[in-house]
C-alpha atoms as a PDB file:
ATOM      1  CA  MET A   1     113.725  84.723  86.231  1.00  0.00           C
ATOM      2  CA  SER A   2     112.911  88.300  87.276  1.00  0.00           C
ATOM      3  CA  GLY A   3     114.946  90.224  84.724  1.00  0.00           C
ATOM      4  CA  GLY A   4     112.632  91.892  82.193  1.00  0.00           C
ATOM      5  CA  HIS A   5     109.426  90.693  83.823  1.00  0.00           C
ATOM      6  CA  THR A   6     106.728  93.259  84.569  1.00  0.00           C
ATOM      7  CA  ILE A   7     104.400  92.651  87.527  1.00  0.00           C
ATOM      8  CA  LEU A   8     101.112  94.504  87.906  1.00  0.00           C
ATOM      9  CA  VAL A   9     100.166  94.967  91.582  1.00  0.00           C
ATOM     10  CA  VAL A  10      96.492  95.821  92.159  1.00  0.00           C
ATOM     11  CA  ASP A  11      95.330  96.789  95.655  1.00  0.00           C
ATOM     12  CA  ASP A  12      93.420  99.713  97.153  1.00  0.00           C
ATOM     13  CA  ASP A  13      95.737  99.795 100.192  1.00  0.00           C
ATOM     14  CA  PRO A  14      98.707 102.061  99.309  1.00  0.00           C
ATOM     15  CA  SER A  15     100.870 100.606 102.083  1.00  0.00           C
ATOM     16  CA  ILE A  16     100.535  97.071 100.687  1.00  0.00           C
ATOM     17  CA  VAL A  17     101.219  98.296  97.165  1.00  0.00           C
ATOM     18  CA  GLU A  18     104.381 100.135  98.206  1.00  0.00           C
ATOM     19  CA  LEU A  19     105.635  97.229 100.305  1.00  0.00           C
ATOM     20  CA  LEU A  20     105.199  94.715  97.487  1.00  0.00           C
ATOM     21  CA  LYS A  21     106.655  97.160  94.979  1.00  0.00           C
ATOM     22  CA  ASP A  22     109.791  97.548  97.101  1.00  0.00           C
ATOM     23  CA  PHE A  23     110.304  93.815  97.505  1.00  0.00           C
ATOM     24  CA  LEU A  24     109.635  93.017  93.847  1.00  0.00           C
ATOM     25  CA  GLU A  25     111.905  95.779  92.592  1.00  0.00           C
ATOM     26  CA  ASN A  26     114.602  94.576  94.965  1.00  0.00           C
ATOM     27  CA  ASP A  27     114.398  91.290  93.043  1.00  0.00           C
ATOM     28  CA  ASN A  28     114.785  93.169  89.729  1.00  0.00           C
ATOM     29  CA  PHE A  29     111.155  93.000  88.644  1.00  0.00           C
ATOM     30  CA  ARG A  30     109.609  95.994  86.885  1.00  0.00           C
ATOM     31  CA  VAL A  31     106.503  96.942  88.847  1.00  0.00           C
ATOM     32  CA  ILE A  32     103.424  98.891  87.788  1.00  0.00           C
ATOM     33  CA  THR A  33     100.531  99.495  90.164  1.00  0.00           C
ATOM     34  CA  ALA A  34      96.814 100.235  90.273  1.00  0.00           C
ATOM     35  CA  CYS A  35      94.384 101.004  93.094  1.00  0.00           C
ATOM     36  CA  ASP A  36      91.199  99.634  91.492  1.00  0.00           C
ATOM     37  CA  THR A  37      90.095  97.361  88.658  1.00  0.00           C
ATOM     38  CA  ALA A  38      89.416 100.193  86.188  1.00  0.00           C
ATOM     39  CA  GLU A  39      92.963 101.525  86.550  1.00  0.00           C
ATOM     40  CA  ALA A  40      94.318  97.966  86.510  1.00  0.00           C
ATOM     41  CA  TRP A  41      92.598  97.194  83.211  1.00  0.00           C
ATOM     42  CA  ASP A  42      94.036 100.387  81.707  1.00  0.00           C
ATOM     43  CA  MET A  43      97.556  99.459  82.895  1.00  0.00           C
ATOM     44  CA  PHE A  44      97.129  95.921  81.593  1.00  0.00           C
ATOM     45  CA  GLU A  45      96.037  97.197  78.179  1.00  0.00           C
ATOM     46  CA  ARG A  46      98.956  99.649  77.891  1.00  0.00           C
ATOM     47  CA  ASN A  47     101.775  97.406  79.148  1.00  0.00           C
ATOM     48  CA  THR A  48     103.222  93.966  78.538  1.00  0.00           C
ATOM     49  CA  VAL A  49     102.419  92.311  81.862  1.00  0.00           C
ATOM     50  CA  HIS A  50     103.966  88.978  82.848  1.00  0.00           C
ATOM     51  CA  ALA A  51     102.024  88.419  86.107  1.00  0.00           C
ATOM     52  CA  ILE A  52      99.364  90.138  88.199  1.00  0.00           C
ATOM     53  CA  ILE A  53      99.064  90.291  91.984  1.00  0.00           C
ATOM     54  CA  LEU A  54      95.369  91.030  92.377  1.00  0.00           C
ATOM     55  CA  ASP A  55      93.487  92.020  95.520  1.00  0.00           C
ATOM     56  CA  ILE A  56      89.962  90.595  95.653  1.00  0.00           C
ATOM     57  CA  MET A  57      88.017  93.148  97.694  1.00  0.00           C
ATOM     58  CA  MET A  58      88.230  96.662  96.226  1.00  0.00           C
ATOM     59  CA  PRO A  59      85.818  99.544  95.624  1.00  0.00           C
ATOM     60  CA  GLY A  60      83.682  99.077  92.529  1.00  0.00           C
ATOM     61  CA  GLN A  61      84.373  95.850  90.671  1.00  0.00           C
ATOM     62  CA  ASN A  62      86.278  93.230  92.640  1.00  0.00           C
ATOM     63  CA  GLY A  63      89.299  91.187  91.667  1.00  0.00           C
ATOM     64  CA  PHE A  64      87.158  88.259  90.509  1.00  0.00           C
ATOM     65  CA  ASP A  65      85.453  90.546  87.973  1.00  0.00           C
ATOM     66  CA  LEU A  66      88.795  91.718  86.592  1.00  0.00           C
ATOM     67  CA  CYS A  67      90.107  88.159  86.384  1.00  0.00           C
ATOM     68  CA  ARG A  68      87.024  87.128  84.425  1.00  0.00           C
ATOM     69  CA  ARG A  69      87.571  90.017  81.999  1.00  0.00           C
ATOM     70  CA  ILE A  70      91.264  89.262  81.518  1.00  0.00           C
ATOM     71  CA  ARG A  71      90.661  85.559  80.970  1.00  0.00           C
ATOM     72  CA  VAL A  72      88.526  86.263  77.893  1.00  0.00           C
ATOM     73  CA  ASP A  73      91.692  86.438  75.790  1.00  0.00           C
ATOM     74  CA  SER A  74      94.745  86.292  78.061  1.00  0.00           C
ATOM     75  CA  ASP A  75      96.392  83.567  80.138  1.00  0.00           C
ATOM     76  CA  VAL A  76      98.711  85.935  82.040  1.00  0.00           C
ATOM     77  CA  PRO A  77      99.410  84.449  85.506  1.00  0.00           C
ATOM     78  CA  ILE A  78      97.132  85.910  88.201  1.00  0.00           C
ATOM     79  CA  LEU A  79      97.890  85.583  91.914  1.00  0.00           C
ATOM     80  CA  PHE A  80      94.906  86.525  94.061  1.00  0.00           C
ATOM     81  CA  LEU A  81      95.685  88.436  97.259  1.00  0.00           C
ATOM     82  CA  SER A  82      93.049  88.396  99.987  1.00  0.00           C
ATOM     83  CA  ALA A  83      92.535  89.067 103.677  1.00  0.00           C
ATOM     84  CA  ARG A  84      90.257  86.014 103.761  1.00  0.00           C
ATOM     85  CA  SER A  85      91.589  82.481 104.044  1.00  0.00           C
ATOM     86  CA  ASP A  86      88.326  80.541 103.603  1.00  0.00           C
ATOM     87  CA  ASP A  87      88.068  77.830 100.969  1.00  0.00           C
ATOM     88  CA  VAL A  88      85.096  79.451  99.215  1.00  0.00           C
ATOM     89  CA  ASP A  89      87.173  82.367  97.920  1.00  0.00           C
ATOM     90  CA  LYS A  90      90.115  80.089  97.172  1.00  0.00           C
ATOM     91  CA  ILE A  91      88.200  77.708  94.964  1.00  0.00           C
ATOM     92  CA  ARG A  92      86.325  80.545  93.275  1.00  0.00           C
ATOM     93  CA  GLY A  93      89.575  82.323  92.446  1.00  0.00           C
ATOM     94  CA  LEU A  94      91.250  79.181  91.111  1.00  0.00           C
ATOM     95  CA  THR A  95      88.269  78.064  89.045  1.00  0.00           C
ATOM     96  CA  LEU A  96      87.955  81.527  87.493  1.00  0.00           C
ATOM     97  CA  GLY A  97      91.478  81.106  86.164  1.00  0.00           C
ATOM     98  CA  GLY A  98      93.698  82.275  89.002  1.00  0.00           C
ATOM     99  CA  ASP A  99      97.120  80.641  89.250  1.00  0.00           C
ATOM    100  CA  ASP A 100      97.600  81.085  93.000  1.00  0.00           C
ATOM    101  CA  TYR A 101      95.784  82.386  96.083  1.00  0.00           C
ATOM    102  CA  ILE A 102      97.749  84.231  98.766  1.00  0.00           C
ATOM    103  CA  VAL A 103      96.458  85.350 102.158  1.00  0.00           C
ATOM    104  CA  LYS A 104      97.648  88.835 103.146  1.00  0.00           C
ATOM    105  CA  THR A 105      99.286  87.509 106.290  1.00  0.00           C
ATOM    106  CA  ALA A 106     101.979  86.019 104.022  1.00  0.00           C
ATOM    107  CA  SER A 107     105.307  87.815 104.183  1.00  0.00           C
ATOM    108  CA  PRO A 108     106.387  89.956 101.202  1.00  0.00           C
ATOM    109  CA  GLY A 109     109.277  87.568 100.700  1.00  0.00           C
ATOM    110  CA  GLU A 110     106.893  84.615 100.377  1.00  0.00           C
ATOM    111  CA  ILE A 111     104.738  86.540  97.895  1.00  0.00           C
ATOM    112  CA  VAL A 112     107.790  87.274  95.727  1.00  0.00           C
ATOM    113  CA  ALA A 113     108.736  83.579  95.876  1.00  0.00           C
ATOM    114  CA  ARG A 114     105.231  82.580  94.758  1.00  0.00           C
ATOM    115  CA  VAL A 115     105.397  85.051  91.866  1.00  0.00           C
ATOM    116  CA  LYS A 116     108.652  83.411  90.747  1.00  0.00           C
ATOM    117  CA  ALA A 117     107.113  79.938  91.078  1.00  0.00           C
ATOM    118  CA  VAL A 118     104.127  80.899  88.918  1.00  0.00           C
ATOM    119  CA  LEU A 119     106.402  82.418  86.291  1.00  0.00           C
ATOM    120  CA  ARG A 120     108.464  79.229  86.188  1.00  0.00           C
ATOM    121  CA  ARG A 121     105.356  77.066  85.763  1.00  0.00           C
ATOM    122  CA  THR A 122     104.026  79.196  82.922  1.00  0.00           C
ATOM    123  CA  ALA A 123     107.313  79.983  81.174  1.00  0.00           C
ATOM    124  CA  SER A 124     106.480  77.714  78.238  1.00  0.00           C
ATOM    125  CA  ARG A 125     103.564  79.998  77.298  1.00  0.00           C
ATOM    126  CA  GLU A 126     105.998  82.695  76.237  1.00  0.00           C
ATOM    127  CA  HIS A 127     107.938  80.412  73.895  1.00  0.00           C
ATOM    128  CA  THR A 128     105.328  78.302  72.145  1.00  0.00           C
ATOM    129  CA  LYS A 129     101.728  78.474  71.053  1.00  0.00           C
ATOM    130  CA  GLU A 130     101.209  75.105  72.681  1.00  0.00           C
ATOM    131  CA  ARG A 131     100.740  75.247  76.429  1.00  0.00           C
ATOM    132  CA  ILE A 132     102.621  72.353  77.986  1.00  0.00           C
ATOM    133  CA  LEU A 133     102.671  71.310  81.626  1.00  0.00           C
ATOM    134  CA  ASP A 134     105.707  69.102  82.128  1.00  0.00           C
ATOM    135  CA  TYR A 135     106.099  67.072  85.327  1.00  0.00           C
ATOM    136  CA  GLY A 136     108.730  64.600  84.187  1.00  0.00           C
ATOM    137  CA  ARG A 137     106.847  61.355  83.653  1.00  0.00           C
ATOM    138  CA  ILE A 138     103.650  63.253  82.845  1.00  0.00           C
ATOM    139  CA  GLN A 139     103.102  65.976  80.267  1.00  0.00           C
ATOM    140  CA  LEU A 140      99.820  67.725  79.503  1.00  0.00           C
ATOM    141  CA  ASN A 141      99.350  69.620  76.253  1.00  0.00           C
ATOM    142  CA  LEU A 142      96.653  72.096  77.229  1.00  0.00           C
ATOM    143  CA  SER A 143      96.190  73.238  73.629  1.00  0.00           C
ATOM    144  CA  THR A 144      95.344  69.776  72.288  1.00  0.00           C
ATOM    145  CA  ARG A 145      94.090  68.100  75.494  1.00  0.00           C
ATOM    146  CA  GLU A 146      96.686  65.353  75.040  1.00  0.00           C
ATOM    147  CA  VAL A 147      98.352  63.595  77.959  1.00  0.00           C
ATOM    148  CA  PHE A 148     101.612  61.664  77.766  1.00  0.00           C
ATOM    149  CA  VAL A 149     103.001  59.287  80.379  1.00  0.00           C
ATOM    150  CA  ASP A 150     106.633  58.280  79.881  1.00  0.00           C
ATOM    151  CA  GLY A 151     106.369  59.717  76.379  1.00  0.00           C
ATOM    152  CA  VAL A 152     103.372  57.590  75.387  1.00  0.00           C
ATOM    153  CA  GLY A 153      99.977  59.159  74.724  1.00  0.00           C
ATOM    154  CA  ILE A 154      97.161  57.878  76.936  1.00  0.00           C
ATOM    155  CA  VAL A 155      93.411  58.016  76.469  1.00  0.00           C
ATOM    156  CA  LEU A 156      91.433  59.843  79.175  1.00  0.00           C
ATOM    157  CA  THR A 157      87.738  60.496  79.392  1.00  0.00           C
ATOM    158  CA  PRO A 158      86.796  64.204  79.309  1.00  0.00           C
ATOM    159  CA  LYS A 159      86.126  64.115  83.058  1.00  0.00           C
ATOM    160  CA  GLU A 160      89.450  62.419  83.805  1.00  0.00           C
ATOM    161  CA  TYR A 161      91.320  64.978  81.705  1.00  0.00           C
ATOM    162  CA  ASP A 162      89.570  67.931  83.362  1.00  0.00           C
ATOM    163  CA  LEU A 163      90.341  66.541  86.806  1.00  0.00           C
ATOM    164  CA  LEU A 164      93.999  65.967  85.953  1.00  0.00           C
ATOM    165  CA  ARG A 165      94.344  69.424  84.423  1.00  0.00           C
ATOM    166  CA  LEU A 166      92.904  71.129  87.511  1.00  0.00           C
ATOM    167  CA  PHE A 167      95.343  69.314  89.774  1.00  0.00           C
ATOM    168  CA  ALA A 168      98.341  69.778  87.448  1.00  0.00           C
ATOM    169  CA  GLU A 169      97.722  73.523  87.078  1.00  0.00           C
ATOM    170  CA  HIS A 170      97.717  73.912  90.869  1.00  0.00           C
ATOM    171  CA  PRO A 171     100.405  71.559  92.220  1.00  0.00           C
ATOM    172  CA  ARG A 172     100.288  70.860  95.971  1.00  0.00           C
ATOM    173  CA  HIS A 173      96.977  72.682  96.380  1.00  0.00           C
ATOM    174  CA  VAL A 174      94.549  70.497  98.310  1.00  0.00           C
ATOM    175  CA  PHE A 175      91.127  70.278  96.669  1.00  0.00           C
ATOM    176  CA  SER A 176      88.444  69.061  99.033  1.00  0.00           C
ATOM    177  CA  TYR A 177      85.780  66.539  98.120  1.00  0.00           C
ATOM    178  CA  GLU A 178      83.160  69.279  98.311  1.00  0.00           C
ATOM    179  CA  GLN A 179      85.106  71.554  95.957  1.00  0.00           C
ATOM    180  CA  LEU A 180      85.565  68.790  93.393  1.00  0.00           C
ATOM    181  CA  LEU A 181      81.890  67.818  93.563  1.00  0.00           C
ATOM    182  CA  ALA A 182      80.804  71.436  93.110  1.00  0.00           C
ATOM    183  CA  LYS A 183      83.071  71.988  90.102  1.00  0.00           C
ATOM    184  CA  PHE A 184      82.694  68.734  88.188  1.00  0.00           C
ATOM    185  CA  TRP A 185      79.374  67.247  89.332  1.00  0.00           C
ATOM    186  CA  GLU A 186      77.398  70.408  90.188  1.00  0.00           C
ATOM    187  CA  GLY A 187      77.277  69.248  93.801  1.00  0.00           C
ATOM    188  CA  ILE A 188      75.502  66.003  92.925  1.00  0.00           C
ATOM    189  CA  GLY A 189      77.286  62.904  94.177  1.00  0.00           C
ATOM    190  CA  ASP A 190      79.403  61.856  97.113  1.00  0.00           C
ATOM    191  CA  ARG A 191      82.976  61.017  98.047  1.00  0.00           C
ATOM    192  CA  HIS A 192      82.657  57.619  96.425  1.00  0.00           C
ATOM    193  CA  THR A 193      81.985  59.322  93.076  1.00  0.00           C
ATOM    194  CA  ILE A 194      85.301  61.169  93.300  1.00  0.00           C
ATOM    195  CA  ARG A 195      87.228  58.142  94.537  1.00  0.00           C
ATOM    196  CA  VAL A 196      86.020  56.045  91.584  1.00  0.00           C
ATOM    197  CA  HIS A 197      87.059  58.631  88.987  1.00  0.00           C
ATOM    198  CA  LEU A 198      90.437  59.302  90.587  1.00  0.00           C
ATOM    199  CA  SER A 199      91.075  55.580  90.984  1.00  0.00           C
ATOM    200  CA  ARG A 200      90.587  55.122  87.234  1.00  0.00           C
ATOM    201  CA  LEU A 201      92.802  58.131  86.541  1.00  0.00           C
ATOM    202  CA  ARG A 202      95.526  56.769  88.818  1.00  0.00           C
ATOM    203  CA  GLU A 203      95.493  53.456  86.950  1.00  0.00           C
ATOM    204  CA  LYS A 204      96.359  55.366  83.777  1.00  0.00           C
ATOM    205  CA  ILE A 205      99.063  57.744  85.067  1.00  0.00           C
ATOM    206  CA  GLU A 206     100.705  56.076  88.059  1.00  0.00           C
ATOM    207  CA  VAL A 207     103.375  53.362  88.051  1.00  0.00           C
ATOM    208  CA  ASP A 208     101.620  51.812  91.051  1.00  0.00           C
ATOM    209  CA  ALA A 209      98.048  52.997  91.573  1.00  0.00           C
ATOM    210  CA  ASN A 210      98.159  51.683  95.153  1.00  0.00           C
ATOM    211  CA  HIS A 211     101.152  53.879  95.950  1.00  0.00           C
ATOM    212  CA  PRO A 212     100.494  57.037  93.883  1.00  0.00           C
ATOM    213  CA  GLN A 213     103.330  59.412  93.075  1.00  0.00           C
ATOM    214  CA  PHE A 214     101.200  62.215  91.626  1.00  0.00           C
ATOM    215  CA  LEU A 215      97.581  62.124  92.842  1.00  0.00           C
ATOM    216  CA  VAL A 216      97.861  61.884  96.601  1.00  0.00           C
ATOM    217  CA  ASN A 217      94.979  61.498  99.029  1.00  0.00           C
ATOM    218  CA  VAL A 218      94.928  63.947 101.949  1.00  0.00           C
ATOM    219  CA  TRP A 219      93.162  61.809 104.502  1.00  0.00           C
ATOM    220  CA  GLY A 220      89.673  63.027 105.333  1.00  0.00           C
ATOM    221  CA  VAL A 221      90.042  66.200 103.263  1.00  0.00           C
ATOM    222  CA  GLY A 222      90.580  65.556  99.540  1.00  0.00           C
ATOM    223  CA  TYR A 223      93.434  65.260  97.065  1.00  0.00           C
ATOM    224  CA  ARG A 224      96.492  67.138  95.832  1.00  0.00           C
ATOM    225  CA  PHE A 225      98.898  66.806  92.899  1.00  0.00           C
ATOM    226  CA  GLU A 226     102.540  66.254  93.881  1.00  0.00           C
ATOM    227  CA  GLY A 227     104.136  67.112  90.546  1.00  0.00           C
ATOM    228  CA  GLY A 228     105.335  70.660  91.355  1.00  0.00           C
END
């Protein structure tokens, strides 16, 4: 997994950069580094980068700004690194196109493991123009917005597809009711609105909608996707 992969580490704290560089190189990754978003953009433009570990709070432009710029024409995996653990930054990072969100209290070993996990999930992007998320019984073709269950194409409404894609791109991440309302209903609605849409989605993708295998309710909080 790590052989031949180049990781760009962006952080204005030299000690964090060096620590992550050591651990990643010990796992046979090639590592390039930057201390701010301007340098990071230059490194990204001049190198073939397979994943980015991106600090959020830095002098000048922040990590969200760089992510937005990269996402204009690149789907390179981005793992946000932040000292803050609040849900506001998490959901903002993920909805901007981030692939993971890591709090800086995580061990270097865990960060390396999460880099490997993201690379595994996005490996198909390097081999085909079609972006496929494959979770066994369920496959999503992100290029064509098609969904297959047990090899058979199913018809989803645009809202159902967008909900499923968000969950499938971030397996095991818990999205709260408030986060889902803010993203898909501009904050207008209530928990019943979400339950109705996800109930209809479950009827289309689950073997038994009453005992879901993929879209699991986290009691009192929200939902997560169990495919990863």
